[in-house]
Amino acid sequence: MVIVYTAQNVTDAHLIKNLLEQEGIPALVVGGDLQGGIGELPVLGLITVKVRDDLAERAARLIADFENAEPVYDPDEKE
């Protein structure tokens, strides 16, 4: 398995994991349990998302597309 994403927190890691799984790429969050042990301090890149080696390139493209996406504004949407 290879790391395709290093998260700032466990929530971001699971967001990316879910994104990948919705696209048919099995993913694993590694280090998520460490956040509680460290407390309020950042975990310094210890929380990662991993995928199989053969899916890494596709996963990286999906993550890049997600991170570079522009929000869609719908003026008809009610708040």
Protein backbone atom coordinates (compact mmCIF):
# COMPACT_ATOMS: atom_id res chain seq x y z
CA MET A 1 0.00 0.00 0.00
CA VAL A 2 1.09 3.54 -0.67
CA ILE A 3 0.26 6.86 1.00
CA VAL A 4 -1.85 9.07 -1.26
CA TYR A 5 -2.87 11.71 1.29
CA THR A 6 -1.48 13.16 4.50
CA ALA A 7 -4.24 14.70 6.59
CA GLN A 8 -4.23 17.53 9.10
CA ASN A 9 -6.77 15.64 11.21
CA VAL A 10 -8.77 12.43 11.29
CA THR A 11 -11.88 14.12 9.86
CA ASP A 12 -10.04 15.17 6.71
CA ALA A 13 -8.59 11.68 6.37
CA HIS A 14 -12.01 10.07 6.50
CA LEU A 15 -13.39 12.63 4.05
CA ILE A 16 -10.75 11.60 1.51
CA LYS A 17 -11.21 7.90 2.32
CA ASN A 18 -14.95 8.21 1.64
CA LEU A 19 -14.31 10.14 -1.59
CA LEU A 20 -12.02 7.38 -2.85
CA GLU A 21 -14.38 4.59 -1.81
CA GLN A 22 -17.28 6.29 -3.63
CA GLU A 23 -15.13 6.02 -6.76
CA GLY A 24 -14.46 2.33 -6.16
CA ILE A 25 -11.00 2.67 -4.62
CA PRO A 26 -10.62 0.84 -1.29
CA ALA A 27 -8.75 3.08 1.16
CA LEU A 28 -7.37 2.83 4.66
CA VAL A 29 -6.88 5.60 7.25
CA VAL A 30 -3.65 5.04 9.18
CA GLY A 31 -2.79 6.89 12.38
CA GLY A 32 -6.29 8.16 13.14
CA ASP A 33 -6.11 6.78 16.66
CA LEU A 34 -3.07 8.92 17.38
CA GLN A 35 -5.00 12.19 17.37
CA GLY A 36 -6.69 11.52 20.72
CA GLY A 37 -3.39 10.65 22.37
CA ILE A 38 -1.76 13.86 21.27
CA GLY A 39 -4.69 16.05 22.32
CA GLU A 40 -5.01 19.51 20.86
CA LEU A 41 -1.56 19.56 19.28
CA PRO A 42 -1.24 18.79 15.55
CA VAL A 43 -0.25 15.21 14.79
CA LEU A 44 2.51 16.29 12.41
CA GLY A 45 1.58 14.26 9.36
CA LEU A 46 0.95 11.00 11.17
CA ILE A 47 -2.58 10.57 9.82
CA THR A 48 -2.50 9.25 6.27
CA VAL A 49 -4.73 7.61 3.70
CA LYS A 50 -3.34 4.60 1.88
CA VAL A 51 -4.47 2.68 -1.18
CA ARG A 52 -3.17 -0.29 -3.14
CA ASP A 53 -0.14 0.51 -5.27
CA ASP A 54 -1.98 -0.15 -8.54
CA LEU A 55 -4.70 2.39 -7.61
CA ALA A 56 -2.41 5.15 -6.35
CA GLU A 57 -2.26 7.17 -9.57
CA ARG A 58 -6.02 7.21 -9.99
CA ALA A 59 -6.50 8.06 -6.31
CA ALA A 60 -4.01 10.93 -6.54
CA ARG A 61 -5.90 12.38 -9.53
CA LEU A 62 -9.22 12.19 -7.68
CA ILE A 63 -7.74 13.87 -4.61
CA ALA A 64 -6.17 16.63 -6.73
CA ASP A 65 -9.47 17.22 -8.54
CA PHE A 66 -11.27 17.40 -5.19
CA GLU A 67 -8.76 19.84 -3.69
CA ASN A 68 -8.80 22.08 -6.78
CA ALA A 69 -12.58 22.11 -7.26
CA GLU A 70 -14.35 25.44 -7.19
CA PRO A 71 -17.48 25.73 -5.06
CA VAL A 72 -20.70 25.86 -7.04
CA TYR A 73 -22.93 28.79 -6.23
CA ASP A 74 -26.64 28.28 -6.82
CA PRO A 75 -28.48 31.59 -6.38
CA ASP A 76 -31.81 29.73 -6.22
CA GLU A 77 -30.74 27.56 -3.28
CA LYS A 78 -32.42 28.53 -0.03
CA GLU A 79 -30.34 28.81 3.09
